[in-house]
Amino acid sequence: SAGEIHLDGRDMRRLSARAHARAGIGRTFQAPRLFAGLSVWENI
């Protein structure tokens, strides 16, 4: 709603989660978000 977020000095506002991942942020969740019907390697 207001304020700033900077990653390595770069303004990250208005950037998507995909752009955050490209920039080097990795995120996990309390309930893992996996593809249950795929193999472990296919999930990677």
ModelCIF file with pLDDT and N, C-alpha, C, O atoms, coordinates in Angstrom:
data_MODEL
#
_entry.id   MODEL 
#
_entity.id                         1 
_entity.type                       polymer 
_entity.pdbx_number_of_molecules   1 
#
_entity_poly.entity_id                      1 
_entity_poly.type                           'polypeptide(L)' 
_entity_poly.nstd_linkage                   no 
_entity_poly.nstd_monomer                   no 
_entity_poly.pdbx_seq_one_letter_code       SAGEIHLDGRDMRRLSARAHARAGIGRTFQAPRLFAGLSVWENI 
_entity_poly.pdbx_seq_one_letter_code_can   SAGEIHLDGRDMRRLSARAHARAGIGRTFQAPRLFAGLSVWENI 
_entity_poly.pdbx_strand_id                 A 
#
loop_
_entity_poly_seq.entity_id 
_entity_poly_seq.num 
_entity_poly_seq.mon_id 
_entity_poly_seq.hetero 
1 1  SER n 
1 2  ALA n 
1 3  GLY n 
1 4  GLU n 
1 5  ILE n 
1 6  HIS n 
1 7  LEU n 
1 8  ASP n 
1 9  GLY n 
1 10 ARG n 
1 11 ASP n 
1 12 MET n 
1 13 ARG n 
1 14 ARG n 
1 15 LEU n 
1 16 SER n 
1 17 ALA n 
1 18 ARG n 
1 19 ALA n 
1 20 HIS n 
1 21 ALA n 
1 22 ARG n 
1 23 ALA n 
1 24 GLY n 
1 25 ILE n 
1 26 GLY n 
1 27 ARG n 
1 28 THR n 
1 29 PHE n 
1 30 GLN n 
1 31 ALA n 
1 32 PRO n 
1 33 ARG n 
1 34 LEU n 
1 35 PHE n 
1 36 ALA n 
1 37 GLY n 
1 38 LEU n 
1 39 SER n 
1 40 VAL n 
1 41 TRP n 
1 42 GLU n 
1 43 ASN n 
1 44 ILE n 
#
_struct_asym.id          A 
_struct_asym.entity_id   1 
#
loop_
_ma_qa_metric.id 
_ma_qa_metric.mode 
_ma_qa_metric.name 
_ma_qa_metric.software_group_id 
_ma_qa_metric.type 
1 global pLDDT . pLDDT 
2 local  pLDDT . pLDDT 
#
_ma_qa_metric_global.metric_id      1 
_ma_qa_metric_global.metric_value   91.73 
_ma_qa_metric_global.model_id       1 
_ma_qa_metric_global.ordinal_id     1 
#
loop_
_ma_qa_metric_local.label_asym_id 
_ma_qa_metric_local.label_comp_id 
_ma_qa_metric_local.label_seq_id 
_ma_qa_metric_local.metric_id 
_ma_qa_metric_local.metric_value 
_ma_qa_metric_local.model_id 
_ma_qa_metric_local.ordinal_id 
A SER 1  2 94.00 1 1  
A ALA 2  2 96.00 1 2  
A GLY 3  2 96.00 1 3  
A GLU 4  2 95.00 1 4  
A ILE 5  2 95.00 1 5  
A HIS 6  2 95.00 1 6  
A LEU 7  2 95.00 1 7  
A ASP 8  2 92.00 1 8  
A GLY 9  2 91.00 1 9  
A ARG 10 2 92.00 1 10 
A ASP 11 2 93.00 1 11 
A MET 12 2 94.00 1 12 
A ARG 13 2 86.00 1 13 
A ARG 14 2 85.00 1 14 
A LEU 15 2 90.00 1 15 
A SER 16 2 90.00 1 16 
A ALA 17 2 89.00 1 17 
A ARG 18 2 88.00 1 18 
A ALA 19 2 90.00 1 19 
A HIS 20 2 91.00 1 20 
A ALA 21 2 89.00 1 21 
A ARG 22 2 88.00 1 22 
A ALA 23 2 91.00 1 23 
A GLY 24 2 92.00 1 24 
A ILE 25 2 94.00 1 25 
A GLY 26 2 93.00 1 26 
A ARG 27 2 92.00 1 27 
A THR 28 2 92.00 1 28 
A PHE 29 2 89.00 1 29 
A GLN 30 2 84.00 1 30 
A ALA 31 2 85.00 1 31 
A PRO 32 2 86.00 1 32 
A ARG 33 2 89.00 1 33 
A LEU 34 2 94.00 1 34 
A PHE 35 2 93.00 1 35 
A ALA 36 2 94.00 1 36 
A GLY 37 2 95.00 1 37 
A LEU 38 2 95.00 1 38 
A SER 39 2 95.00 1 39 
A VAL 40 2 95.00 1 40 
A TRP 41 2 94.00 1 41 
A GLU 42 2 93.00 1 42 
A ASN 43 2 94.00 1 43 
A ILE 44 2 93.00 1 44 
#
loop_
_atom_site.group_PDB 
_atom_site.id 
_atom_site.type_symbol 
_atom_site.label_atom_id 
_atom_site.label_alt_id 
_atom_site.label_comp_id 
_atom_site.label_asym_id 
_atom_site.label_entity_id 
_atom_site.label_seq_id 
_atom_site.pdbx_PDB_ins_code 
_atom_site.Cartn_x 
_atom_site.Cartn_y 
_atom_site.Cartn_z 
_atom_site.occupancy 
_atom_site.B_iso_or_equiv 
_atom_site.pdbx_formal_charge 
_atom_site.auth_seq_id 
_atom_site.auth_comp_id 
_atom_site.auth_asym_id 
_atom_site.auth_atom_id 
_atom_site.pdbx_PDB_model_num 
ATOM 1   N N  . SER A 1 1  ? 0.836  -1.203  0.000   1.00 94.00 ? 1  SER A N  1 
ATOM 2   C CA . SER A 1 1  ? 0.000  0.000   0.000   1.00 94.00 ? 1  SER A CA 1 
ATOM 3   C C  . SER A 1 1  ? 0.865  1.245   0.000   1.00 94.00 ? 1  SER A C  1 
ATOM 4   O O  . SER A 1 1  ? 0.488  2.278   -0.553  1.00 94.00 ? 1  SER A O  1 
ATOM 5   N N  . ALA A 1 2  ? 2.042  1.139   0.632   1.00 96.00 ? 2  ALA A N  1 
ATOM 6   C CA . ALA A 1 2  ? 3.002  2.243   0.681   1.00 96.00 ? 2  ALA A CA 1 
ATOM 7   C C  . ALA A 1 2  ? 4.352  1.678   1.086   1.00 96.00 ? 2  ALA A C  1 
ATOM 8   O O  . ALA A 1 2  ? 4.440  0.555   1.582   1.00 96.00 ? 2  ALA A O  1 
ATOM 9   N N  . GLY A 1 3  ? 5.410  2.465   0.870   1.00 96.00 ? 3  GLY A N  1 
ATOM 10  C CA . GLY A 1 3  ? 6.745  2.053   1.265   1.00 96.00 ? 3  GLY A CA 1 
ATOM 11  C C  . GLY A 1 3  ? 7.556  1.487   0.119   1.00 96.00 ? 3  GLY A C  1 
ATOM 12  O O  . GLY A 1 3  ? 7.108  1.462   -1.027  1.00 96.00 ? 3  GLY A O  1 
ATOM 13  N N  . GLU A 1 4  ? 8.774  1.025   0.449   1.00 95.00 ? 4  GLU A N  1 
ATOM 14  C CA . GLU A 1 4  ? 9.712  0.583   -0.574  1.00 95.00 ? 4  GLU A CA 1 
ATOM 15  C C  . GLU A 1 4  ? 10.312 -0.775  -0.222  1.00 95.00 ? 4  GLU A C  1 
ATOM 16  O O  . GLU A 1 4  ? 10.487 -1.116  0.948   1.00 95.00 ? 4  GLU A O  1 
ATOM 17  N N  . ILE A 1 5  ? 10.622 -1.538  -1.268  1.00 95.00 ? 5  ILE A N  1 
ATOM 18  C CA . ILE A 1 5  ? 11.332 -2.811  -1.144  1.00 95.00 ? 5  ILE A CA 1 
ATOM 19  C C  . ILE A 1 5  ? 12.502 -2.777  -2.116  1.00 95.00 ? 5  ILE A C  1 
ATOM 20  O O  . ILE A 1 5  ? 12.312 -2.565  -3.313  1.00 95.00 ? 5  ILE A O  1 
ATOM 21  N N  . HIS A 1 6  ? 13.720 -2.986  -1.599  1.00 95.00 ? 6  HIS A N  1 
ATOM 22  C CA . HIS A 1 6  ? 14.910 -2.977  -2.447  1.00 95.00 ? 6  HIS A CA 1 
ATOM 23  C C  . HIS A 1 6  ? 15.666 -4.292  -2.277  1.00 95.00 ? 6  HIS A C  1 
ATOM 24  O O  . HIS A 1 6  ? 15.875 -4.763  -1.159  1.00 95.00 ? 6  HIS A O  1 
ATOM 25  N N  . LEU A 1 7  ? 16.074 -4.876  -3.403  1.00 95.00 ? 7  LEU A N  1 
ATOM 26  C CA . LEU A 1 7  ? 16.911 -6.069  -3.419  1.00 95.00 ? 7  LEU A CA 1 
ATOM 27  C C  . LEU A 1 7  ? 18.225 -5.689  -4.076  1.00 95.00 ? 7  LEU A C  1 
ATOM 28  O O  . LEU A 1 7  ? 18.259 -5.330  -5.253  1.00 95.00 ? 7  LEU A O  1 
ATOM 29  N N  . ASP A 1 8  ? 19.309 -5.770  -3.313  1.00 92.00 ? 8  ASP A N  1 
ATOM 30  C CA . ASP A 1 8  ? 20.624 -5.352  -3.814  1.00 92.00 ? 8  ASP A CA 1 
ATOM 31  C C  . ASP A 1 8  ? 20.562 -3.931  -4.376  1.00 92.00 ? 8  ASP A C  1 
ATOM 32  O O  . ASP A 1 8  ? 21.217 -3.615  -5.369  1.00 92.00 ? 8  ASP A O  1 
ATOM 33  N N  . GLY A 1 9  ? 19.768 -3.085  -3.732  1.00 91.00 ? 9  GLY A N  1 
ATOM 34  C CA . GLY A 1 9  ? 19.651 -1.695  -4.150  1.00 91.00 ? 9  GLY A CA 1 
ATOM 35  C C  . GLY A 1 9  ? 18.657 -1.448  -5.260  1.00 91.00 ? 9  GLY A C  1 
ATOM 36  O O  . GLY A 1 9  ? 18.425 -0.299  -5.633  1.00 91.00 ? 9  GLY A O  1 
ATOM 37  N N  . ARG A 1 10 ? 18.060 -2.504  -5.798  1.00 92.00 ? 10 ARG A N  1 
ATOM 38  C CA . ARG A 1 10 ? 17.103 -2.373  -6.900  1.00 92.00 ? 10 ARG A CA 1 
ATOM 39  C C  . ARG A 1 10 ? 15.690 -2.239  -6.354  1.00 92.00 ? 10 ARG A C  1 
ATOM 40  O O  . ARG A 1 10 ? 15.283 -3.021  -5.496  1.00 92.00 ? 10 ARG A O  1 
ATOM 41  N N  . ASP A 1 11 ? 14.948 -1.270  -6.834  1.00 93.00 ? 11 ASP A N  1 
ATOM 42  C CA . ASP A 1 11 ? 13.566 -1.053  -6.425  1.00 93.00 ? 11 ASP A CA 1 
ATOM 43  C C  . ASP A 1 11 ? 12.699 -2.182  -6.987  1.00 93.00 ? 11 ASP A C  1 
ATOM 44  O O  . ASP A 1 11 ? 12.588 -2.338  -8.203  1.00 93.00 ? 11 ASP A O  1 
ATOM 45  N N  . MET A 1 12 ? 12.081 -2.973  -6.090  1.00 94.00 ? 12 MET A N  1 
ATOM 46  C CA . MET A 1 12 ? 11.305 -4.138  -6.510  1.00 94.00 ? 12 MET A CA 1 
ATOM 47  C C  . MET A 1 12 ? 9.803  -3.869  -6.564  1.00 94.00 ? 12 MET A C  1 
ATOM 48  O O  . MET A 1 12 ? 9.029  -4.772  -6.882  1.00 94.00 ? 12 MET A O  1 
ATOM 49  N N  . ARG A 1 13 ? 9.382  -2.650  -6.261  1.00 86.00 ? 13 ARG A N  1 
ATOM 50  C CA . ARG A 1 13 ? 7.960  -2.339  -6.306  1.00 86.00 ? 13 ARG A CA 1 
ATOM 51  C C  . ARG A 1 13 ? 7.408  -2.526  -7.717  1.00 86.00 ? 13 ARG A C  1 
ATOM 52  O O  . ARG A 1 13 ? 8.077  -2.253  -8.714  1.00 86.00 ? 13 ARG A O  1 
ATOM 53  N N  . ARG A 1 14 ? 6.179  -2.995  -7.762  1.00 85.00 ? 14 ARG A N  1 
ATOM 54  C CA . ARG A 1 14 ? 5.454  -3.200  -9.021  1.00 85.00 ? 14 ARG A CA 1 
ATOM 55  C C  . ARG A 1 14 ? 6.027  -4.334  -9.862  1.00 85.00 ? 14 ARG A C  1 
ATOM 56  O O  . ARG A 1 14 ? 5.638  -4.497  -11.019 1.00 85.00 ? 14 ARG A O  1 
ATOM 57  N N  . LEU A 1 15 ? 6.943  -5.121  -9.302  1.00 90.00 ? 15 LEU A N  1 
ATOM 58  C CA . LEU A 1 15 ? 7.466  -6.281  -10.006 1.00 90.00 ? 15 LEU A CA 1 
ATOM 59  C C  . LEU A 1 15 ? 6.750  -7.547  -9.526  1.00 90.00 ? 15 LEU A C  1 
ATOM 60  O O  . LEU A 1 15 ? 6.388  -7.651  -8.354  1.00 90.00 ? 15 LEU A O  1 
ATOM 61  N N  . SER A 1 16 ? 6.549  -8.494  -10.422 1.00 90.00 ? 16 SER A N  1 
ATOM 62  C CA . SER A 1 16 ? 5.825  -9.726  -10.110 1.00 90.00 ? 16 SER A CA 1 
ATOM 63  C C  . SER A 1 16 ? 6.669  -10.678 -9.271  1.00 90.00 ? 16 SER A C  1 
ATOM 64  O O  . SER A 1 16 ? 7.876  -10.492 -9.114  1.00 90.00 ? 16 SER A O  1 
ATOM 65  N N  . ALA A 1 17 ? 6.006  -11.702 -8.736  1.00 89.00 ? 17 ALA A N  1 
ATOM 66  C CA . ALA A 1 17 ? 6.732  -12.735 -7.999  1.00 89.00 ? 17 ALA A CA 1 
ATOM 67  C C  . ALA A 1 17 ? 7.737  -13.441 -8.900  1.00 89.00 ? 17 ALA A C  1 
ATOM 68  O O  . ALA A 1 17 ? 8.823  -13.809 -8.453  1.00 89.00 ? 17 ALA A O  1 
ATOM 69  N N  . ARG A 1 18 ? 7.382  -13.629 -10.162 1.00 88.00 ? 18 ARG A N  1 
ATOM 70  C CA . ARG A 1 18 ? 8.307  -14.245 -11.121 1.00 88.00 ? 18 ARG A CA 1 
ATOM 71  C C  . ARG A 1 18 ? 9.554  -13.388 -11.285 1.00 88.00 ? 18 ARG A C  1 
ATOM 72  O O  . ARG A 1 18 ? 10.668 -13.908 -11.359 1.00 88.00 ? 18 ARG A O  1 
ATOM 73  N N  . ALA A 1 19 ? 9.362  -12.066 -11.342 1.00 90.00 ? 19 ALA A N  1 
ATOM 74  C CA . ALA A 1 19 ? 10.513 -11.159 -11.456 1.00 90.00 ? 19 ALA A CA 1 
ATOM 75  C C  . ALA A 1 19 ? 11.373 -11.209 -10.199 1.00 90.00 ? 19 ALA A C  1 
ATOM 76  O O  . ALA A 1 19 ? 12.597 -11.101 -10.279 1.00 90.00 ? 19 ALA A O  1 
ATOM 77  N N  . HIS A 1 20 ? 10.734 -11.375 -9.027  1.00 91.00 ? 20 HIS A N  1 
ATOM 78  C CA . HIS A 1 20 ? 11.492 -11.509 -7.782  1.00 91.00 ? 20 HIS A CA 1 
ATOM 79  C C  . HIS A 1 20 ? 12.336 -12.780 -7.812  1.00 91.00 ? 20 HIS A C  1 
ATOM 80  O O  . HIS A 1 20 ? 13.478 -12.777 -7.354  1.00 91.00 ? 20 HIS A O  1 
ATOM 81  N N  . ALA A 1 21 ? 11.776 -13.875 -8.353  1.00 89.00 ? 21 ALA A N  1 
ATOM 82  C CA . ALA A 1 21 ? 12.531 -15.119 -8.456  1.00 89.00 ? 21 ALA A CA 1 
ATOM 83  C C  . ALA A 1 21 ? 13.711 -14.954 -9.401  1.00 89.00 ? 21 ALA A C  1 
ATOM 84  O O  . ALA A 1 21 ? 14.812 -15.429 -9.124  1.00 89.00 ? 21 ALA A O  1 
ATOM 85  N N  . ARG A 1 22 ? 13.470 -14.269 -10.531 1.00 88.00 ? 22 ARG A N  1 
ATOM 86  C CA . ARG A 1 22 ? 14.564 -14.015 -11.467 1.00 88.00 ? 22 ARG A CA 1 
ATOM 87  C C  . ARG A 1 22 ? 15.678 -13.222 -10.809 1.00 88.00 ? 22 ARG A C  1 
ATOM 88  O O  . ARG A 1 22 ? 16.856 -13.429 -11.099 1.00 88.00 ? 22 ARG A O  1 
ATOM 89  N N  . ALA A 1 23 ? 15.300 -12.313 -9.922  1.00 91.00 ? 23 ALA A N  1 
ATOM 90  C CA . ALA A 1 23 ? 16.279 -11.445 -9.275  1.00 91.00 ? 23 ALA A CA 1 
ATOM 91  C C  . ALA A 1 23 ? 17.071 -12.162 -8.192  1.00 91.00 ? 23 ALA A C  1 
ATOM 92  O O  . ALA A 1 23 ? 18.071 -11.636 -7.703  1.00 91.00 ? 23 ALA A O  1 
ATOM 93  N N  . GLY A 1 24 ? 16.626 -13.376 -7.808  1.00 92.00 ? 24 GLY A N  1 
ATOM 94  C CA . GLY A 1 24 ? 17.407 -14.151 -6.850  1.00 92.00 ? 24 GLY A CA 1 
ATOM 95  C C  . GLY A 1 24 ? 16.752 -14.436 -5.523  1.00 92.00 ? 24 GLY A C  1 
ATOM 96  O O  . GLY A 1 24 ? 17.443 -14.786 -4.566  1.00 92.00 ? 24 GLY A O  1 
ATOM 97  N N  . ILE A 1 25 ? 15.423 -14.298 -5.426  1.00 94.00 ? 25 ILE A N  1 
ATOM 98  C CA . ILE A 1 25 ? 14.713 -14.621 -4.194  1.00 94.00 ? 25 ILE A CA 1 
ATOM 99  C C  . ILE A 1 25 ? 14.042 -15.981 -4.352  1.00 94.00 ? 25 ILE A C  1 
ATOM 100 O O  . ILE A 1 25 ? 13.323 -16.214 -5.323  1.00 94.00 ? 25 ILE A O  1 
ATOM 101 N N  . GLY A 1 26 ? 14.280 -16.880 -3.392  1.00 93.00 ? 26 GLY A N  1 
ATOM 102 C CA . GLY A 1 26 ? 13.624 -18.179 -3.367  1.00 93.00 ? 26 GLY A CA 1 
ATOM 103 C C  . GLY A 1 26 ? 12.709 -18.271 -2.175  1.00 93.00 ? 26 GLY A C  1 
ATOM 104 O O  . GLY A 1 26 ? 13.080 -17.851 -1.079  1.00 93.00 ? 26 GLY A O  1 
ATOM 105 N N  . ARG A 1 27 ? 11.508 -18.816 -2.363  1.00 92.00 ? 27 ARG A N  1 
ATOM 106 C CA . ARG A 1 27 ? 10.473 -18.791 -1.333  1.00 92.00 ? 27 ARG A CA 1 
ATOM 107 C C  . ARG A 1 27 ? 9.853  -20.159 -1.141  1.00 92.00 ? 27 ARG A C  1 
ATOM 108 O O  . ARG A 1 27 ? 9.500  -20.816 -2.120  1.00 92.00 ? 27 ARG A O  1 
ATOM 109 N N  . THR A 1 28 ? 9.711  -20.608 0.109   1.00 92.00 ? 28 THR A N  1 
ATOM 110 C CA . THR A 1 28 ? 8.945  -21.802 0.419   1.00 92.00 ? 28 THR A CA 1 
ATOM 111 C C  . THR A 1 28 ? 7.733  -21.399 1.246   1.00 92.00 ? 28 THR A C  1 
ATOM 112 O O  . THR A 1 28 ? 7.640  -20.275 1.740   1.00 92.00 ? 28 THR A O  1 
ATOM 113 N N  . PHE A 1 29 ? 6.798  -22.353 1.385   1.00 89.00 ? 29 PHE A N  1 
ATOM 114 C CA . PHE A 1 29 ? 5.531  -22.072 2.046   1.00 89.00 ? 29 PHE A CA 1 
ATOM 115 C C  . PHE A 1 29 ? 5.317  -23.021 3.221   1.00 89.00 ? 29 PHE A C  1 
ATOM 116 O O  . PHE A 1 29 ? 5.939  -24.079 3.309   1.00 89.00 ? 29 PHE A O  1 
ATOM 117 N N  . GLN A 1 30 ? 4.414  -22.612 4.130   1.00 84.00 ? 30 GLN A N  1 
ATOM 118 C CA . GLN A 1 30 ? 4.129  -23.452 5.292   1.00 84.00 ? 30 GLN A CA 1 
ATOM 119 C C  . GLN A 1 30 ? 3.608  -24.814 4.843   1.00 84.00 ? 30 GLN A C  1 
ATOM 120 O O  . GLN A 1 30 ? 4.015  -25.841 5.384   1.00 84.00 ? 30 GLN A O  1 
ATOM 121 N N  . ALA A 1 31 ? 2.718  -24.829 3.867   1.00 85.00 ? 31 ALA A N  1 
ATOM 122 C CA . ALA A 1 31 ? 2.264  -26.077 3.245   1.00 85.00 ? 31 ALA A CA 1 
ATOM 123 C C  . ALA A 1 31 ? 2.955  -26.183 1.893   1.00 85.00 ? 31 ALA A C  1 
ATOM 124 O O  . ALA A 1 31 ? 2.661  -25.392 0.996   1.00 85.00 ? 31 ALA A O  1 
ATOM 125 N N  . PRO A 1 32 ? 3.871  -27.145 1.721   1.00 86.00 ? 32 PRO A N  1 
ATOM 126 C CA . PRO A 1 32 ? 4.649  -27.236 0.477   1.00 86.00 ? 32 PRO A CA 1 
ATOM 127 C C  . PRO A 1 32 ? 3.761  -27.261 -0.767  1.00 86.00 ? 32 PRO A C  1 
ATOM 128 O O  . PRO A 1 32 ? 2.744  -27.954 -0.797  1.00 86.00 ? 32 PRO A O  1 
ATOM 129 N N  . ARG A 1 33 ? 4.146  -26.513 -1.776  1.00 89.00 ? 33 ARG A N  1 
ATOM 130 C CA . ARG A 1 33 ? 3.407  -26.450 -3.035  1.00 89.00 ? 33 ARG A CA 1 
ATOM 131 C C  . ARG A 1 33 ? 4.134  -27.306 -4.060  1.00 89.00 ? 33 ARG A C  1 
ATOM 132 O O  . ARG A 1 33 ? 5.066  -26.863 -4.731  1.00 89.00 ? 33 ARG A O  1 
ATOM 133 N N  . LEU A 1 34 ? 3.675  -28.543 -4.157  1.00 94.00 ? 34 LEU A N  1 
ATOM 134 C CA . LEU A 1 34 ? 4.310  -29.518 -5.036  1.00 94.00 ? 34 LEU A CA 1 
ATOM 135 C C  . LEU A 1 34 ? 3.308  -30.039 -6.063  1.00 94.00 ? 34 LEU A C  1 
ATOM 136 O O  . LEU A 1 34 ? 2.105  -29.804 -5.953  1.00 94.00 ? 34 LEU A O  1 
ATOM 137 N N  . PHE A 1 35 ? 3.827  -30.750 -7.063  1.00 93.00 ? 35 PHE A N  1 
ATOM 138 C CA . PHE A 1 35 ? 3.001  -31.457 -8.029  1.00 93.00 ? 35 PHE A CA 1 
ATOM 139 C C  . PHE A 1 35 ? 2.986  -32.922 -7.609  1.00 93.00 ? 35 PHE A C  1 
ATOM 140 O O  . PHE A 1 35 ? 3.902  -33.679 -7.929  1.00 93.00 ? 35 PHE A O  1 
ATOM 141 N N  . ALA A 1 36 ? 1.928  -33.314 -6.886  1.00 94.00 ? 36 ALA A N  1 
ATOM 142 C CA . ALA A 1 36 ? 1.884  -34.639 -6.272  1.00 94.00 ? 36 ALA A CA 1 
ATOM 143 C C  . ALA A 1 36 ? 1.948  -35.762 -7.295  1.00 94.00 ? 36 ALA A C  1 
ATOM 144 O O  . ALA A 1 36 ? 2.483  -36.832 -7.005  1.00 94.00 ? 36 ALA A O  1 
ATOM 145 N N  . GLY A 1 37 ? 1.406  -35.531 -8.502  1.00 95.00 ? 37 GLY A N  1 
ATOM 146 C CA . GLY A 1 37 ? 1.375  -36.574 -9.509  1.00 95.00 ? 37 GLY A CA 1 
ATOM 147 C C  . GLY A 1 37 ? 2.630  -36.680 -10.345 1.00 95.00 ? 37 GLY A C  1 
ATOM 148 O O  . GLY A 1 37 ? 2.720  -37.534 -11.227 1.00 95.00 ? 37 GLY A O  1 
ATOM 149 N N  . LEU A 1 38 ? 3.607  -35.814 -10.075 1.00 95.00 ? 38 LEU A N  1 
ATOM 150 C CA . LEU A 1 38 ? 4.882  -35.860 -10.790 1.00 95.00 ? 38 LEU A CA 1 
ATOM 151 C C  . LEU A 1 38 ? 5.953  -36.457 -9.886  1.00 95.00 ? 38 LEU A C  1 
ATOM 152 O O  . LEU A 1 38 ? 5.813  -36.475 -8.663  1.00 95.00 ? 38 LEU A O  1 
ATOM 153 N N  . SER A 1 39 ? 7.006  -36.936 -10.496 1.00 95.00 ? 39 SER A N  1 
ATOM 154 C CA . SER A 1 39 ? 8.117  -37.483 -9.713  1.00 95.00 ? 39 SER A CA 1 
ATOM 155 C C  . SER A 1 39 ? 8.884  -36.362 -9.031  1.00 95.00 ? 39 SER A C  1 
ATOM 156 O O  . SER A 1 39 ? 8.712  -35.184 -9.341  1.00 95.00 ? 39 SER A O  1 
ATOM 157 N N  . VAL A 1 40 ? 9.725  -36.758 -8.103  1.00 95.00 ? 40 VAL A N  1 
ATOM 158 C CA . VAL A 1 40 ? 10.579 -35.783 -7.412  1.00 95.00 ? 40 VAL A CA 1 
ATOM 159 C C  . VAL A 1 40 ? 11.402 -34.993 -8.425  1.00 95.00 ? 40 VAL A C  1 
ATOM 160 O O  . VAL A 1 40 ? 11.483 -33.767 -8.342  1.00 95.00 ? 40 VAL A O  1 
ATOM 161 N N  . TRP A 1 41 ? 12.013 -35.693 -9.382  1.00 94.00 ? 41 TRP A N  1 
ATOM 162 C CA . TRP A 1 41 ? 12.844 -35.014 -10.376 1.00 94.00 ? 41 TRP A CA 1 
ATOM 163 C C  . TRP A 1 41 ? 12.017 -34.112 -11.282 1.00 94.00 ? 41 TRP A C  1 
ATOM 164 O O  . TRP A 1 41 ? 12.456 -33.023 -11.651 1.00 94.00 ? 41 TRP A O  1 
ATOM 165 N N  . GLU A 1 42 ? 10.809 -34.571 -11.641 1.00 93.00 ? 42 GLU A N  1 
ATOM 166 C CA . GLU A 1 42 ? 9.933  -33.758 -12.478 1.00 93.00 ? 42 GLU A CA 1 
ATOM 167 C C  . GLU A 1 42 ? 9.496  -32.485 -11.766 1.00 93.00 ? 42 GLU A C  1 
ATOM 168 O O  . GLU A 1 42 ? 9.265  -31.462 -12.412 1.00 93.00 ? 42 GLU A O  1 
ATOM 169 N N  . ASN A 1 43 ? 9.381  -32.538 -10.456 1.00 94.00 ? 43 ASN A N  1 
ATOM 170 C CA . ASN A 1 43 ? 9.069  -31.325 -9.700  1.00 94.00 ? 43 ASN A CA 1 
ATOM 171 C C  . ASN A 1 43 ? 10.199 -30.313 -9.805  1.00 94.00 ? 43 ASN A C  1 
ATOM 172 O O  . ASN A 1 43 ? 9.955  -29.110 -9.900  1.00 94.00 ? 43 ASN A O  1 
ATOM 173 N N  . ILE A 1 44 ? 11.428 -30.795 -9.788  1.00 93.00 ? 44 ILE A N  1 
ATOM 174 C CA . ILE A 1 44 ? 12.574 -29.896 -9.962  1.00 93.00 ? 44 ILE A CA 1 
ATOM 175 C C  . ILE A 1 44 ? 12.513 -29.238 -11.338 1.00 93.00 ? 44 ILE A C  1 
ATOM 176 O O  . ILE A 1 44 ? 13.388 -28.444 -11.682 1.00 93.00 ? 44 ILE A O  1 
#
